[in-house]
C-alpha atoms as a PDB file:
ATOM      1  CA  MET A   1     -18.376  15.155 -69.432  1.00  0.00           C
ATOM      2  CA  SER A   2     -18.285  11.772 -67.658  1.00  0.00           C
ATOM      3  CA  ALA A   3     -21.509   9.996 -66.661  1.00  0.00           C
ATOM      4  CA  ASP A   4     -19.971   9.083 -63.245  1.00  0.00           C
ATOM      5  CA  LYS A   5     -19.613  12.701 -62.139  1.00  0.00           C
ATOM      6  CA  ALA A   6     -22.084  13.893 -59.485  1.00  0.00           C
ATOM      7  CA  PRO A   7     -23.791  17.240 -59.980  1.00  0.00           C
ATOM      8  CA  ALA A   8     -22.166  20.191 -58.247  1.00  0.00           C
ATOM      9  CA  PRO A   9     -23.834  21.138 -54.939  1.00  0.00           C
ATOM     10  CA  SER A  10     -26.034  24.201 -54.910  1.00  0.00           C
ATOM     11  CA  GLN A  11     -25.202  27.399 -53.044  1.00  0.00           C
ATOM     12  CA  SER A  12     -27.719  26.547 -50.294  1.00  0.00           C
ATOM     13  CA  GLN A  13     -26.307  23.013 -49.915  1.00  0.00           C
ATOM     14  CA  ILE A  14     -22.806  24.443 -49.492  1.00  0.00           C
ATOM     15  CA  GLU A  15     -24.065  26.976 -46.922  1.00  0.00           C
ATOM     16  CA  ASP A  16     -25.903  24.217 -45.017  1.00  0.00           C
ATOM     17  CA  GLU A  17     -22.774  22.062 -44.971  1.00  0.00           C
ATOM     18  CA  ILE A  18     -20.698  24.999 -43.684  1.00  0.00           C
ATOM     19  CA  ALA A  19     -23.259  25.690 -40.946  1.00  0.00           C
ATOM     20  CA  ARG A  20     -23.248  22.000 -39.864  1.00  0.00           C
ATOM     21  CA  THR A  21     -19.454  21.913 -39.840  1.00  0.00           C
ATOM     22  CA  ARG A  22     -19.269  25.103 -37.774  1.00  0.00           C
ATOM     23  CA  ALA A  23     -21.757  23.711 -35.241  1.00  0.00           C
ATOM     24  CA  GLU A  24     -19.794  20.449 -34.944  1.00  0.00           C
ATOM     25  CA  LEU A  25     -16.532  22.366 -34.538  1.00  0.00           C
ATOM     26  CA  ALA A  26     -18.046  24.628 -31.870  1.00  0.00           C
ATOM     27  CA  GLY A  27     -19.291  21.573 -29.968  1.00  0.00           C
ATOM     28  CA  THR A  28     -15.875  19.929 -30.152  1.00  0.00           C
ATOM     29  CA  ILE A  29     -14.130  23.080 -28.940  1.00  0.00           C
ATOM     30  CA  ASP A  30     -16.589  23.411 -26.027  1.00  0.00           C
ATOM     31  CA  GLU A  31     -16.021  19.788 -25.039  1.00  0.00           C
ATOM     32  CA  LEU A  32     -12.236  20.138 -25.170  1.00  0.00           C
ATOM     33  CA  THR A  33     -12.352  23.396 -23.208  1.00  0.00           C
ATOM     34  CA  THR A  34     -14.357  21.694 -20.474  1.00  0.00           C
ATOM     35  CA  ARG A  35     -12.110  18.633 -20.390  1.00  0.00           C
ATOM     36  CA  LEU A  36      -8.950  20.737 -20.133  1.00  0.00           C
ATOM     37  CA  ASP A  37     -10.278  23.236 -17.562  1.00  0.00           C
ATOM     38  CA  PRO A  38      -8.043  22.969 -14.460  1.00  0.00           C
ATOM     39  CA  ARG A  39     -11.052  23.419 -12.154  1.00  0.00           C
ATOM     40  CA  VAL A  40     -12.843  20.508 -13.800  1.00  0.00           C
ATOM     41  CA  GLN A  41      -9.681  18.385 -13.600  1.00  0.00           C
ATOM     42  CA  ALA A  42      -9.149  19.267  -9.904  1.00  0.00           C
ATOM     43  CA  SER A  43     -12.768  18.486  -9.113  1.00  0.00           C
ATOM     44  CA  HIS A  44     -12.490  15.130 -10.891  1.00  0.00           C
ATOM     45  CA  VAL A  45      -9.296  14.226  -9.007  1.00  0.00           C
ATOM     46  CA  ALA A  46     -10.862  15.247  -5.679  1.00  0.00           C
ATOM     47  CA  GLN A  47     -13.913  13.105  -6.388  1.00  0.00           C
ATOM     48  CA  GLN A  48     -11.711  10.122  -7.292  1.00  0.00           C
ATOM     49  CA  ALA A  49      -9.699  10.570  -4.076  1.00  0.00           C
ATOM     50  CA  LYS A  50     -12.869  10.655  -1.962  1.00  0.00           C
ATOM     51  CA  GLN A  51     -14.186   7.580  -3.748  1.00  0.00           C
ATOM     52  CA  ALA A  52     -10.867   5.751  -3.228  1.00  0.00           C
ATOM     53  CA  ALA A  53     -10.897   6.607   0.492  1.00  0.00           C
ATOM     54  CA  SER A  54     -14.487   5.395   0.793  1.00  0.00           C
ATOM     55  CA  ASP A  55     -13.737   2.195  -1.126  1.00  0.00           C
ATOM     56  CA  THR A  56     -10.623   1.576   0.984  1.00  0.00           C
ATOM     57  CA  GLY A  57     -12.637   1.996   4.178  1.00  0.00           C
ATOM     58  CA  ALA A  58     -15.188  -0.489   2.878  1.00  0.00           C
ATOM     59  CA  PHE A  59     -12.400  -2.912   1.939  1.00  0.00           C
ATOM     60  CA  LEU A  60     -10.790  -2.677   5.386  1.00  0.00           C
ATOM     61  CA  THR A  61     -14.118  -3.349   7.095  1.00  0.00           C
ATOM     62  CA  GLY A  62     -14.723  -6.501   5.060  1.00  0.00           C
ATOM     63  CA  GLY A  63     -16.690  -5.065   2.165  1.00  0.00           C
ATOM     64  CA  GLY A  64     -14.250  -6.307  -0.461  1.00  0.00           C
ATOM     65  CA  LEU A  65     -13.015  -4.516  -3.534  1.00  0.00           C
ATOM     66  CA  PRO A  66     -15.459  -2.752  -5.852  1.00  0.00           C
ATOM     67  CA  GLU A  67     -15.997  -5.322  -8.603  1.00  0.00           C
ATOM     68  CA  GLU A  68     -18.088  -3.145 -10.907  1.00  0.00           C
ATOM     69  CA  ASP A  69     -15.207  -0.788 -11.749  1.00  0.00           C
ATOM     70  CA  PRO A  70     -11.615  -2.033 -12.207  1.00  0.00           C
ATOM     71  CA  ASP A  71     -10.288   1.527 -11.859  1.00  0.00           C
ATOM     72  CA  ARG A  72     -11.816   1.841  -8.395  1.00  0.00           C
ATOM     73  CA  SER A  73     -10.263  -1.496  -7.364  1.00  0.00           C
ATOM     74  CA  ARG A  74      -6.896  -0.276  -8.672  1.00  0.00           C
ATOM     75  CA  ASN A  75      -7.253   2.972  -6.702  1.00  0.00           C
ATOM     76  CA  VAL A  76      -7.880   1.029  -3.472  1.00  0.00           C
ATOM     77  CA  LYS A  77      -4.742  -1.027  -4.071  1.00  0.00           C
ATOM     78  CA  LEU A  78      -2.720   2.110  -4.844  1.00  0.00           C
ATOM     79  CA  LEU A  79      -3.974   3.851  -1.710  1.00  0.00           C
ATOM     80  CA  LEU A  80      -3.161   0.840   0.464  1.00  0.00           C
ATOM     81  CA  GLY A  81       0.271   0.544  -1.170  1.00  0.00           C
ATOM     82  CA  ALA A  82       0.981   4.217  -0.540  1.00  0.00           C
ATOM     83  CA  ALA A  83      -0.079   3.844   3.095  1.00  0.00           C
ATOM     84  CA  VAL A  84       2.223   0.840   3.560  1.00  0.00           C
ATOM     85  CA  ALA A  85       5.106   2.672   1.866  1.00  0.00           C
ATOM     86  CA  GLY A  86       4.509   5.736   4.050  1.00  0.00           C
ATOM     87  CA  ALA A  87       4.466   3.603   7.194  1.00  0.00           C
ATOM     88  CA  ALA A  88       7.695   1.897   6.109  1.00  0.00           C
ATOM     89  CA  LEU A  89       9.371   5.280   5.625  1.00  0.00           C
ATOM     90  CA  VAL A  90       8.283   6.415   9.097  1.00  0.00           C
ATOM     91  CA  VAL A  91       9.601   3.207  10.671  1.00  0.00           C
ATOM     92  CA  ALA A  92      12.890   3.542   8.771  1.00  0.00           C
ATOM     93  CA  ALA A  93      13.263   7.160   9.927  1.00  0.00           C
ATOM     94  CA  ILE A  94      12.594   6.187  13.554  1.00  0.00           C
ATOM     95  CA  LEU A  95      15.089   3.304  13.403  1.00  0.00           C
ATOM     96  CA  ARG A  96      17.695   5.563  11.794  1.00  0.00           C
ATOM     97  CA  ARG A  97      17.367   8.121  14.617  1.00  0.00           C
ATOM     98  CA  ARG A  98      17.765   5.454  17.285  1.00  0.00           C
ATOM     99  CA  SER A  99      20.998   4.079  15.850  1.00  0.00           C
END
């Protein structure tokens, strides 16, 4: 027998390790279930949309872009870009009807 070999774990050590692993796995599964829940996702998207609308209103009234969160600044720019694109489509449709 080699001197480098560690002693085999006891029955109670193996059972403890299995219990810890099961608890970690259960926690991971719970976290993934929550993250992938469509209701949670929809709620998160709705909250982001409300925040983007609020940030855009603040930007348009001179409040500037939110500097503390680059994602919020990006959302303001996306919302303004979508509004400009929508307005351009409406103008193009009106001009097309008149010609």
